[in-house]
Amino acid sequence: MEGCPELGFPNMSAHPRSRWRLRTVIERLIALLIALVACQTWVIQGIPVACQVSGGSMAETLLGEHFALKCPDCGSPFVCDAGASRAKALATCPNCGYQDVPLDDQRPLPGERVWIDRSSFCLRSPQRWQVAALYQPEQGKAIAVKRIVGLPEETIRIHDGDVYVDGQVQRKNLLEQRAVRILVHDADYQARLDPAPPPRWRGEDKEGQWNWSGVRCVHPTSSDRDWIDWLVYSHGRRGADAGTILPGPITDLCPYNRGRPRREEDVHPVADVALSVRVVEASGPGLLWLRATDGREVFQTMLSPQAGKYMVLQNGKPMPAGAGKLPGPLKGTLLEMSLFDQQFLLAMNGRTVVARAYDRPDGSHVPLAEPVAIGVQELGTMLQDLRVYRDVYYTQAVAGRSTVDFEKGFHLGQGEYFVLGDNSPISEDSRVWATGPGVSAGALIGRPWIVVYPASHARIGPWQFQVPEAGRIRYIR
């Protein structure tokens, strides 16, 4: 390119040394600028910044002041909010539904302390489903921790518990599902106080051969090849009589929110469910089956340990791209199957083998009390770690607390993000902030990446102490 001496620009092609000097000056200026930003962010403010969680809007991903409890009936450990009203000194076990877990002799644990990495958004923009720390609008330097669900210049809609972007439901991969899924029932913990309610997992047929050996579920090899013996998960809540269960679908009620009652019309049935189970033994020539339904679509996964193959059926027909070879022996395999976000997902030992979207027209699904099941057909089987989960059900803003109709949707501006809490019914987030649903990129601080100080209580005589639990220090997903 020719220079223009009349305007003061030298002919660069004629002066290579000048061109080199100019480039050197520019590079040094850029390096100085980066150094100043790094100094401000990492030296003066620090890369890791510790803060303490004070509320329950991100429970159970992050916990504010809380009680760490153990159910007197099934023995399941669980947590509940200690900041809510204490007029009723009882909690409900989310695993078995036992409603009289006492709080009188419990002391609340402080909110968890987390480290925030200020450098995380310097080189890479925030991603959807990522946890982020930000300055809470209209609260000065108060820090809030939320999950990013909307990115700049997207049109966001909340409908039927899901997040839609530009008209498309946003689907989570396996790691993202694991980060937000909520445990509904863990079969390792069974109700035992007399009169005990019927077990959540039970045989569909009276002539079935399923039985429990401790926390493991066992089925002998059957000689009938044409008969699938189903073990069905049946959801419900405790009735007035201690030994009864009132069948009903899984809902978005969160026992963590003790002391925060919700109107019945604001409680939503949830069709987005997941099943997790580990195969301890699998012997014989037969098949292992997994079944899940949202009340409209029925998905069945057929696994043949002898042939080393699997196949997925949707409403009784083979699913396109839903068959393949098992990644290894079925024995010892952790199987995960979910129907989150209008997507069927099957994973084995943490590896996704099938992920297929499907359409769920409005009003077409009817969440059932028996959403998942496990079946065997001429296969000796031993299973453990049977767990049922649900997805976060994102609710609309409480009436009168927002000027935005999230059912119709809204558009984010350039450099704006939409953030939500994992504990949607009580979270203070983009849905209710007076500054509007969009959070500017300048308000983002960084990514919380580790819980550094969870604690429990230890008792010595009349004294009680908080004891850090190294085993509960965890990475935040």
Protein backbone atom coordinates (compact mmCIF):
# COMPACT_ATOMS: atom_id res chain seq x y z
CA MET A 1 0.00 0.00 0.00
CA GLU A 2 1.33 3.47 -0.94
CA GLY A 3 1.73 6.14 1.74
CA CYS A 4 0.46 9.71 1.65
CA PRO A 5 3.28 12.12 2.66
CA GLU A 6 1.04 15.17 2.02
CA LEU A 7 -1.20 14.12 4.87
CA GLY A 8 1.65 13.13 7.13
CA PHE A 9 1.49 9.35 6.53
CA PRO A 10 4.88 7.88 5.53
CA ASN A 11 5.32 5.46 2.70
CA MET A 12 5.46 2.26 4.80
CA SER A 13 6.74 0.15 1.97
CA ALA A 14 9.74 2.46 1.72
CA HIS A 15 10.47 2.44 5.46
CA PRO A 16 10.33 -1.12 6.86
CA ARG A 17 12.08 0.00 10.06
CA SER A 18 9.36 2.61 10.72
CA ARG A 19 6.68 0.01 10.10
CA TRP A 20 8.38 -2.34 12.59
CA ARG A 21 8.64 0.44 15.20
CA LEU A 22 4.95 1.35 14.83
CA ARG A 23 3.91 -2.27 15.21
CA THR A 24 6.15 -2.61 18.28
CA VAL A 25 4.58 0.47 19.90
CA ILE A 26 1.06 -0.84 19.26
CA GLU A 27 1.90 -4.28 20.67
CA ARG A 28 3.42 -2.73 23.79
CA LEU A 29 0.41 -0.50 24.31
CA ILE A 30 -1.91 -3.53 24.05
CA ALA A 31 0.29 -5.50 26.46
CA LEU A 32 0.24 -2.57 28.91
CA LEU A 33 -3.54 -2.34 28.70
CA ILE A 34 -3.90 -6.07 29.38
CA ALA A 35 -1.49 -5.78 32.28
CA LEU A 36 -3.48 -2.91 33.79
CA VAL A 37 -6.74 -4.88 33.51
CA ALA A 38 -5.08 -7.94 34.99
CA CYS A 39 -3.62 -5.85 37.81
CA GLN A 40 -7.04 -4.39 38.59
CA THR A 41 -8.85 -7.73 38.40
CA TRP A 42 -6.31 -10.15 39.83
CA VAL A 43 -3.87 -8.23 42.02
CA ILE A 44 -6.01 -5.48 43.53
CA GLN A 45 -9.37 -7.31 43.58
CA GLY A 46 -8.01 -10.86 43.52
CA ILE A 47 -8.80 -13.77 41.23
CA PRO A 48 -10.75 -15.78 43.83
CA VAL A 49 -13.17 -13.71 45.88
CA ALA A 50 -15.02 -15.36 48.74
CA CYS A 51 -18.64 -14.57 49.54
CA GLN A 52 -21.28 -16.16 51.71
CA VAL A 53 -24.67 -17.32 50.45
CA SER A 54 -27.43 -15.61 52.40
CA GLY A 55 -30.65 -16.85 50.76
CA GLY A 56 -32.25 -19.90 49.22
CA SER A 57 -32.77 -18.74 45.64
CA MET A 58 -30.13 -21.18 44.31
CA ALA A 59 -31.02 -24.13 46.58
CA GLU A 60 -30.02 -26.85 46.50
CA THR A 61 -27.10 -25.92 44.24
CA LEU A 62 -26.03 -23.36 46.85
CA LEU A 63 -27.41 -23.08 50.37
CA GLY A 64 -28.05 -20.09 52.56
CA GLU A 65 -28.66 -20.53 56.29
CA HIS A 66 -30.10 -24.03 56.54
CA PHE A 67 -30.81 -27.07 58.65
CA ALA A 68 -29.02 -30.33 57.81
CA LEU A 69 -31.47 -33.05 58.81
CA LYS A 70 -31.91 -36.80 58.80
CA CYS A 71 -35.36 -38.31 58.40
CA PRO A 72 -36.38 -40.39 61.46
CA ASP A 73 -38.39 -42.68 59.18
CA CYS A 74 -36.32 -43.52 56.08
CA GLY A 75 -32.97 -42.14 57.28
CA SER A 76 -32.44 -39.96 54.22
CA PRO A 77 -30.30 -36.84 54.76
CA PHE A 78 -31.80 -33.59 53.49
CA VAL A 79 -31.66 -29.84 54.00
CA CYS A 80 -34.26 -27.15 54.49
CA ASP A 81 -34.31 -23.39 54.81
CA ALA A 82 -33.53 -22.05 58.28
CA GLY A 83 -34.35 -18.46 57.38
CA ALA A 84 -38.08 -19.05 56.93
CA SER A 85 -40.69 -18.79 59.66
CA ARG A 86 -40.02 -21.08 62.59
CA ALA A 87 -43.59 -21.04 63.88
CA LYS A 88 -43.88 -24.70 62.83
CA ALA A 89 -40.83 -26.50 64.15
CA LEU A 90 -41.27 -29.43 61.77
CA ALA A 91 -40.00 -30.31 58.33
CA THR A 92 -41.08 -32.81 55.67
CA CYS A 93 -38.72 -35.43 54.27
CA PRO A 94 -38.56 -35.02 50.48
CA ASN A 95 -37.66 -38.71 50.05
CA CYS A 96 -40.45 -40.55 51.88
CA GLY A 97 -42.87 -37.73 52.74
CA TYR A 98 -42.58 -38.11 56.51
CA GLN A 99 -44.04 -34.86 57.83
CA ASP A 100 -42.87 -34.71 61.44
CA VAL A 101 -39.11 -34.24 61.21
CA PRO A 102 -38.35 -32.18 64.35
CA LEU A 103 -36.33 -28.97 64.30
CA ASP A 104 -36.46 -28.13 68.01
CA ASP A 105 -33.01 -29.50 68.80
CA GLN A 106 -31.39 -28.29 65.57
CA ARG A 107 -29.12 -25.31 65.17
CA PRO A 108 -28.95 -23.70 61.74
CA LEU A 109 -25.80 -23.96 59.69
CA PRO A 110 -24.51 -20.75 58.11
CA GLY A 111 -24.78 -20.11 54.42
CA GLU A 112 -22.15 -21.79 52.30
CA ARG A 113 -19.07 -19.81 51.34
CA VAL A 114 -18.08 -19.83 47.68
CA TRP A 115 -15.09 -18.62 45.70
CA ILE A 116 -15.79 -16.45 42.68
CA ASP A 117 -13.31 -16.53 39.80
CA ARG A 118 -13.20 -12.97 38.43
CA SER A 119 -11.12 -14.01 35.44
CA SER A 120 -13.62 -16.54 34.06
CA PHE A 121 -15.48 -14.09 31.79
CA CYS A 122 -12.39 -12.20 30.60
CA LEU A 123 -11.52 -14.61 27.80
CA ARG A 124 -14.88 -16.31 27.26
CA SER A 125 -18.39 -14.89 27.34
CA PRO A 126 -20.87 -16.42 29.80
CA GLN A 127 -22.62 -19.52 28.49
CA ARG A 128 -26.20 -20.68 28.91
CA TRP A 129 -26.86 -22.77 32.08
CA GLN A 130 -23.64 -21.44 33.65
CA VAL A 131 -23.72 -20.15 37.23
CA ALA A 132 -22.63 -16.50 37.47
CA ALA A 133 -22.06 -13.92 40.19
CA LEU A 134 -23.29 -10.40 39.52
CA TYR A 135 -23.98 -7.11 41.24
CA GLN A 136 -27.65 -7.22 42.15
CA PRO A 137 -29.58 -4.38 40.47
CA GLU A 138 -30.41 -1.45 42.76
CA GLN A 139 -28.48 -3.06 45.63
CA GLY A 140 -25.14 -1.29 45.29
CA LYS A 141 -22.29 -3.75 45.70
CA ALA A 142 -24.52 -6.60 46.91
CA ILE A 143 -23.62 -9.79 45.03
CA ALA A 144 -26.21 -12.22 43.69
CA VAL A 145 -25.54 -15.69 42.31
CA LYS A 146 -27.86 -16.93 39.55
CA ARG A 147 -27.86 -19.19 36.50
CA ILE A 148 -27.60 -17.64 33.03
CA VAL A 149 -30.43 -18.79 30.75
CA GLY A 150 -30.71 -15.96 28.21
CA LEU A 151 -27.91 -14.46 26.08
CA PRO A 152 -27.64 -11.04 24.35
CA GLU A 153 -30.13 -10.22 21.59
CA GLU A 154 -32.26 -13.33 22.20
CA THR A 155 -36.03 -13.42 22.59
CA ILE A 156 -36.82 -15.27 25.83
CA ARG A 157 -40.04 -16.97 26.84
CA ILE A 158 -40.95 -19.09 29.87
CA HIS A 159 -43.64 -21.66 29.15
CA ASP A 160 -44.72 -24.85 30.89
CA GLY A 161 -41.61 -24.80 33.08
CA ASP A 162 -39.17 -24.58 30.16
CA VAL A 163 -37.05 -21.75 28.73
CA TYR A 164 -37.60 -20.90 25.07
CA VAL A 165 -35.15 -18.87 22.98
CA ASP A 166 -36.33 -17.44 19.66
CA GLY A 167 -39.24 -19.89 19.75
CA GLN A 168 -37.15 -23.02 20.47
CA VAL A 169 -37.07 -24.87 23.79
CA GLN A 170 -33.56 -24.90 25.25
CA ARG A 171 -32.32 -28.42 25.91
CA LYS A 172 -29.62 -29.34 28.39
CA ASN A 173 -26.88 -31.89 27.85
CA LEU A 174 -26.09 -34.56 30.43
CA LEU A 175 -23.72 -32.44 32.54
CA GLU A 176 -26.15 -29.53 32.53
CA GLN A 177 -28.98 -31.84 33.58
CA ARG A 178 -26.91 -33.20 36.43
CA ALA A 179 -26.17 -29.65 37.58
CA VAL A 180 -29.83 -28.67 38.02
CA ARG A 181 -31.79 -31.90 38.51
CA ILE A 182 -33.67 -32.29 41.80
CA LEU A 183 -33.76 -35.60 43.64
CA VAL A 184 -37.32 -36.91 44.05
CA HIS A 185 -36.67 -40.34 45.54
CA ASP A 186 -33.64 -42.46 46.47
CA ALA A 187 -34.49 -46.15 46.93
CA ASP A 188 -31.50 -46.58 49.26
CA TYR A 189 -33.74 -45.03 51.92
CA GLN A 190 -37.03 -46.83 52.63
CA ALA A 191 -39.70 -45.77 55.14
CA ARG A 192 -39.67 -48.17 58.09
CA LEU A 193 -41.69 -46.68 60.98
CA ASP A 194 -44.85 -48.65 61.69
CA PRO A 195 -47.26 -48.36 59.96
CA ALA A 196 -44.95 -48.02 56.97
CA PRO A 197 -46.46 -46.85 53.68
CA PRO A 198 -46.16 -49.08 50.61
CA PRO A 199 -42.76 -48.86 48.87
CA ARG A 200 -42.39 -46.41 46.00
CA TRP A 201 -40.89 -49.13 43.78
CA ARG A 202 -43.13 -52.17 43.43
CA GLY A 203 -43.92 -54.91 40.94
CA GLU A 204 -46.56 -54.18 38.34
CA ASP A 205 -47.78 -57.79 38.32
CA LYS A 206 -48.75 -59.75 41.42
CA GLU A 207 -46.89 -62.74 40.01
CA GLY A 208 -43.72 -60.69 39.53
CA GLN A 209 -40.46 -61.86 41.08
CA TRP A 210 -38.84 -58.59 42.12
CA ASN A 211 -37.58 -58.48 45.71
CA TRP A 212 -35.28 -56.34 47.83
CA SER A 213 -32.06 -57.42 49.50
CA GLY A 214 -31.03 -54.46 51.62
CA VAL A 215 -30.66 -51.52 49.22
CA ARG A 216 -30.38 -53.79 46.18
CA CYS A 217 -33.27 -54.89 44.00
CA VAL A 218 -33.00 -58.47 42.73
CA HIS A 219 -34.78 -60.43 40.02
CA PRO A 220 -34.04 -64.11 39.24
CA THR A 221 -33.72 -65.44 35.71
CA SER A 222 -37.16 -66.17 34.26
CA SER A 223 -37.97 -68.91 31.77
CA ASP A 224 -40.72 -66.92 30.05
CA ARG A 225 -39.18 -64.98 27.18
CA ASP A 226 -42.39 -63.17 26.20
CA TRP A 227 -43.19 -61.63 29.55
CA ILE A 228 -41.59 -58.42 30.83
CA ASP A 229 -41.68 -58.23 34.60
CA TRP A 230 -41.95 -54.50 35.37
CA LEU A 231 -40.80 -52.78 38.55
CA VAL A 232 -42.70 -49.47 38.61
CA TYR A 233 -41.99 -46.25 40.48
CA SER A 234 -45.23 -44.95 41.99
CA HIS A 235 -45.19 -41.37 43.25
CA GLY A 236 -47.49 -39.85 45.84
CA ARG A 237 -47.71 -38.04 49.15
CA ARG A 238 -48.39 -39.27 52.64
CA GLY A 239 -52.05 -39.41 53.56
CA ALA A 240 -53.62 -38.51 56.89
CA ASP A 241 -53.06 -42.12 57.93
CA ALA A 242 -49.34 -42.72 58.31
CA GLY A 243 -49.39 -45.98 56.37
CA THR A 244 -51.07 -44.63 53.24
CA ILE A 245 -49.86 -42.94 50.07
CA LEU A 246 -52.11 -40.74 47.95
CA PRO A 247 -50.96 -41.34 44.34
CA GLY A 248 -50.21 -38.28 42.26
CA PRO A 249 -47.70 -36.85 39.79
CA ILE A 250 -44.38 -35.33 40.74
CA THR A 251 -44.76 -31.59 41.36
CA ASP A 252 -42.49 -28.57 41.67
CA LEU A 253 -43.02 -28.35 45.43
CA CYS A 254 -39.66 -28.01 47.12
CA PRO A 255 -39.44 -29.21 50.75
CA TYR A 256 -36.39 -26.97 51.15
CA ASN A 257 -38.82 -24.02 51.20
CA ARG A 258 -40.23 -24.95 54.59
CA GLY A 259 -42.39 -22.19 56.01
CA ARG A 260 -43.19 -20.73 52.57
CA PRO A 261 -46.65 -22.07 51.74
CA ARG A 262 -47.91 -22.01 48.15
CA ARG A 263 -51.44 -21.91 46.88
CA GLU A 264 -52.63 -25.16 45.35
CA GLU A 265 -53.22 -23.49 41.99
CA ASP A 266 -49.57 -22.35 41.94
CA VAL A 267 -48.22 -25.90 42.32
CA HIS A 268 -47.31 -27.44 38.96
CA PRO A 269 -47.14 -31.12 37.95
CA VAL A 270 -43.78 -31.92 36.36
CA ALA A 271 -43.39 -34.25 33.39
CA ASP A 272 -39.61 -33.70 33.00
CA VAL A 273 -38.27 -36.71 34.91
CA ALA A 274 -35.09 -38.78 34.98
CA LEU A 275 -34.12 -42.26 36.14
CA SER A 276 -30.69 -43.34 37.33
CA VAL A 277 -29.77 -46.95 38.21
CA ARG A 278 -26.61 -49.03 38.50
CA VAL A 279 -26.55 -52.61 37.22
CA VAL A 280 -24.69 -54.79 39.74
CA GLU A 281 -25.36 -58.12 38.03
CA ALA A 282 -26.90 -59.15 34.69
CA SER A 283 -26.91 -62.84 33.74
CA GLY A 284 -28.79 -64.87 31.19
CA PRO A 285 -29.80 -64.49 27.55
CA GLY A 286 -32.59 -62.01 28.15
CA LEU A 287 -33.19 -58.27 28.21
CA LEU A 288 -33.20 -55.33 30.60
CA TRP A 289 -35.80 -52.61 29.91
CA LEU A 290 -36.09 -48.98 31.02
CA ARG A 291 -39.35 -47.07 30.53
CA ALA A 292 -40.25 -43.39 30.88
CA THR A 293 -43.30 -41.35 29.90
CA ASP A 294 -44.51 -37.76 30.08
CA GLY A 295 -48.12 -38.89 29.79
CA ARG A 296 -48.09 -38.61 26.01
CA GLU A 297 -44.86 -40.06 24.68
CA VAL A 298 -43.70 -43.47 25.94
CA PHE A 299 -40.00 -44.33 25.61
CA GLN A 300 -38.59 -47.81 26.18
CA THR A 301 -34.92 -48.72 26.15
CA MET A 302 -34.12 -52.36 25.49
CA LEU A 303 -30.65 -53.58 26.52
CA SER A 304 -29.25 -56.98 25.61
CA PRO A 305 -26.09 -57.82 27.61
CA GLN A 306 -25.55 -61.01 25.65
CA ALA A 307 -25.70 -59.33 22.23
CA GLY A 308 -23.99 -56.19 23.53
CA LYS A 309 -26.63 -53.95 21.94
CA TYR A 310 -29.36 -51.48 22.88
CA MET A 311 -32.41 -50.08 21.10
CA VAL A 312 -34.84 -47.27 21.98
CA LEU A 313 -38.54 -47.45 21.15
CA GLN A 314 -40.80 -44.38 21.01
CA ASN A 315 -44.47 -45.25 21.32
CA GLY A 316 -43.62 -48.83 20.40
CA LYS A 317 -41.63 -47.98 17.25
CA PRO A 318 -37.83 -47.93 16.86
CA MET A 319 -36.45 -44.44 17.32
CA PRO A 320 -34.30 -43.15 14.43
CA ALA A 321 -30.62 -43.30 15.44
CA GLY A 322 -31.74 -44.93 18.69
CA ALA A 323 -29.83 -48.21 18.44
CA GLY A 324 -26.21 -49.21 18.80
CA LYS A 325 -23.60 -51.24 20.64
CA LEU A 326 -23.22 -51.12 24.39
CA PRO A 327 -20.00 -49.23 25.25
CA GLY A 328 -19.00 -52.08 27.55
CA PRO A 329 -20.36 -54.91 29.72
CA LEU A 330 -23.76 -54.13 31.22
CA LYS A 331 -22.55 -55.36 34.61
CA GLY A 332 -21.40 -52.39 36.68
CA THR A 333 -22.90 -49.83 34.27
CA LEU A 334 -24.59 -46.66 35.52
CA LEU A 335 -27.66 -46.07 33.35
CA GLU A 336 -29.28 -42.63 33.12
CA MET A 337 -32.44 -41.88 31.15
CA SER A 338 -34.26 -38.55 31.11
CA LEU A 339 -37.12 -36.66 29.45
CA PHE A 340 -35.91 -33.13 30.25
CA ASP A 341 -36.76 -30.21 27.94
CA GLN A 342 -38.68 -32.29 25.39
CA GLN A 343 -35.63 -34.44 24.80
CA PHE A 344 -35.02 -38.13 25.33
CA LEU A 345 -31.51 -38.74 26.65
CA LEU A 346 -29.81 -42.05 27.43
CA ALA A 347 -26.37 -42.22 29.02
CA MET A 348 -24.14 -45.08 30.14
CA ASN A 349 -21.34 -44.50 32.65
CA GLY A 350 -21.57 -40.76 32.08
CA ARG A 351 -21.42 -40.99 28.30
CA THR A 352 -24.45 -39.90 26.26
CA VAL A 353 -25.36 -42.54 23.68
CA VAL A 354 -28.75 -41.15 22.55
CA ALA A 355 -30.04 -37.57 22.69
CA ARG A 356 -33.09 -36.94 20.54
CA ALA A 357 -35.48 -33.98 20.65
CA TYR A 358 -39.21 -34.46 20.31
CA ASP A 359 -42.13 -32.04 20.10
CA ARG A 360 -44.67 -31.82 22.89
CA PRO A 361 -47.69 -29.78 21.77
CA ASP A 362 -49.27 -27.53 24.39
CA GLY A 363 -51.57 -29.40 26.73
CA SER A 364 -50.73 -32.78 25.22
CA HIS A 365 -48.79 -34.22 28.16
CA VAL A 366 -50.38 -35.35 31.40
CA PRO A 367 -47.79 -36.06 34.13
CA LEU A 368 -48.51 -39.44 35.70
CA ALA A 369 -47.99 -40.94 39.14
CA GLU A 370 -45.94 -43.74 37.52
CA PRO A 371 -43.52 -41.99 35.15
CA VAL A 372 -40.64 -44.51 35.12
CA ALA A 373 -40.18 -48.27 35.36
CA ILE A 374 -37.56 -51.01 35.02
CA GLY A 375 -38.31 -54.39 33.46
CA VAL A 376 -36.56 -57.71 32.92
CA GLN A 377 -37.20 -60.49 30.44
CA GLU A 378 -35.40 -63.79 31.06
CA LEU A 379 -32.55 -62.01 32.77
CA GLY A 380 -31.12 -62.45 36.24
CA THR A 381 -30.60 -58.93 37.53
CA MET A 382 -29.34 -57.10 40.60
CA LEU A 383 -29.75 -53.32 40.72
CA GLN A 384 -28.79 -50.60 43.17
CA ASP A 385 -28.79 -46.80 43.46
CA LEU A 386 -32.31 -46.45 42.04
CA ARG A 387 -32.96 -42.70 41.93
CA VAL A 388 -35.70 -40.58 40.38
CA TYR A 389 -35.11 -36.90 39.57
CA ARG A 390 -37.04 -33.99 38.10
CA ASP A 391 -35.99 -30.91 36.18
CA VAL A 392 -36.27 -27.35 37.48
CA TYR A 393 -39.73 -26.03 36.67
CA TYR A 394 -39.28 -22.33 35.89
CA THR A 395 -42.33 -20.42 37.07
CA GLN A 396 -43.79 -17.15 35.90
CA ALA A 397 -43.21 -14.01 37.97
CA VAL A 398 -45.58 -13.55 40.89
CA ALA A 399 -48.53 -11.40 39.83
CA GLY A 400 -47.86 -7.70 40.32
CA ARG A 401 -44.11 -8.10 40.68
CA SER A 402 -43.17 -7.67 37.03
CA THR A 403 -44.30 -5.59 34.07
CA VAL A 404 -43.10 -8.28 31.63
CA ASP A 405 -45.35 -11.07 30.39
CA PHE A 406 -42.88 -13.97 30.33
CA GLU A 407 -45.46 -16.23 28.70
CA LYS A 408 -45.45 -13.95 25.64
CA GLY A 409 -41.72 -13.32 25.79
CA PHE A 410 -39.34 -10.35 25.63
CA HIS A 411 -36.20 -9.37 23.75
CA LEU A 412 -32.77 -8.89 25.33
CA GLY A 413 -30.66 -6.00 24.15
CA GLN A 414 -27.03 -6.03 23.11
CA GLY A 415 -24.81 -7.01 26.03
CA GLU A 416 -27.77 -8.14 28.19
CA TYR A 417 -28.28 -11.46 29.97
CA PHE A 418 -31.32 -13.11 31.56
CA VAL A 419 -30.66 -14.92 34.84
CA LEU A 420 -32.79 -17.20 37.01
CA GLY A 421 -32.38 -18.93 40.35
CA ASP A 422 -32.55 -22.73 40.60
CA ASN A 423 -35.17 -22.46 43.38
CA SER A 424 -37.63 -20.83 41.00
CA PRO A 425 -40.70 -20.42 43.29
CA ILE A 426 -38.87 -18.08 45.69
CA SER A 427 -35.94 -16.70 43.69
CA GLU A 428 -35.38 -12.97 43.33
CA ASP A 429 -33.99 -12.75 39.80
CA SER A 430 -34.51 -11.26 36.34
CA ARG A 431 -38.25 -11.95 36.55
CA VAL A 432 -38.84 -9.43 39.34
CA TRP A 433 -36.00 -6.90 39.35
CA ALA A 434 -37.31 -3.37 38.85
CA THR A 435 -34.52 -2.52 36.42
CA GLY A 436 -35.97 -5.01 33.95
CA PRO A 437 -35.23 -8.58 32.96
CA GLY A 438 -31.98 -7.79 31.16
CA VAL A 439 -28.75 -7.72 33.21
CA SER A 440 -25.89 -5.81 31.60
CA ALA A 441 -22.59 -7.56 30.96
CA GLY A 442 -20.90 -4.90 33.11
CA ALA A 443 -22.78 -6.20 36.17
CA LEU A 444 -21.27 -9.68 35.85
CA ILE A 445 -18.43 -10.34 38.28
CA GLY A 446 -17.32 -13.87 37.48
CA ARG A 447 -18.13 -17.52 37.95
CA PRO A 448 -18.56 -19.15 41.37
CA TRP A 449 -16.55 -22.33 41.06
CA ILE A 450 -16.15 -24.01 44.43
CA VAL A 451 -17.91 -24.27 47.79
CA VAL A 452 -15.10 -23.85 50.30
CA TYR A 453 -16.75 -23.91 53.71
CA PRO A 454 -19.71 -26.21 54.21
CA ALA A 455 -20.05 -27.24 57.85
CA SER A 456 -21.98 -29.49 60.20
CA HIS A 457 -22.60 -29.42 63.92
CA ALA A 458 -20.68 -31.47 66.49
CA ARG A 459 -21.78 -31.74 70.09
CA ILE A 460 -19.62 -32.13 73.19
CA GLY A 461 -21.80 -32.22 76.26
CA PRO A 462 -23.93 -29.06 76.31
CA TRP A 463 -21.77 -27.32 73.71
CA GLN A 464 -22.28 -27.41 69.96
CA PHE A 465 -19.65 -26.50 67.37
CA GLN A 466 -19.51 -25.92 63.63
CA VAL A 467 -17.10 -28.37 62.02
CA PRO A 468 -15.97 -27.90 58.40
CA GLU A 469 -16.55 -31.02 56.32
CA ALA A 470 -13.74 -31.52 53.82
CA GLY A 471 -15.78 -34.19 52.05
CA ARG A 472 -18.52 -31.66 51.21
CA ILE A 473 -16.21 -29.15 49.55
CA ARG A 474 -17.42 -29.32 45.99
CA TYR A 475 -17.16 -27.88 42.52
CA ILE A 476 -20.14 -25.77 41.40
CA ARG A 477 -21.74 -26.79 38.10
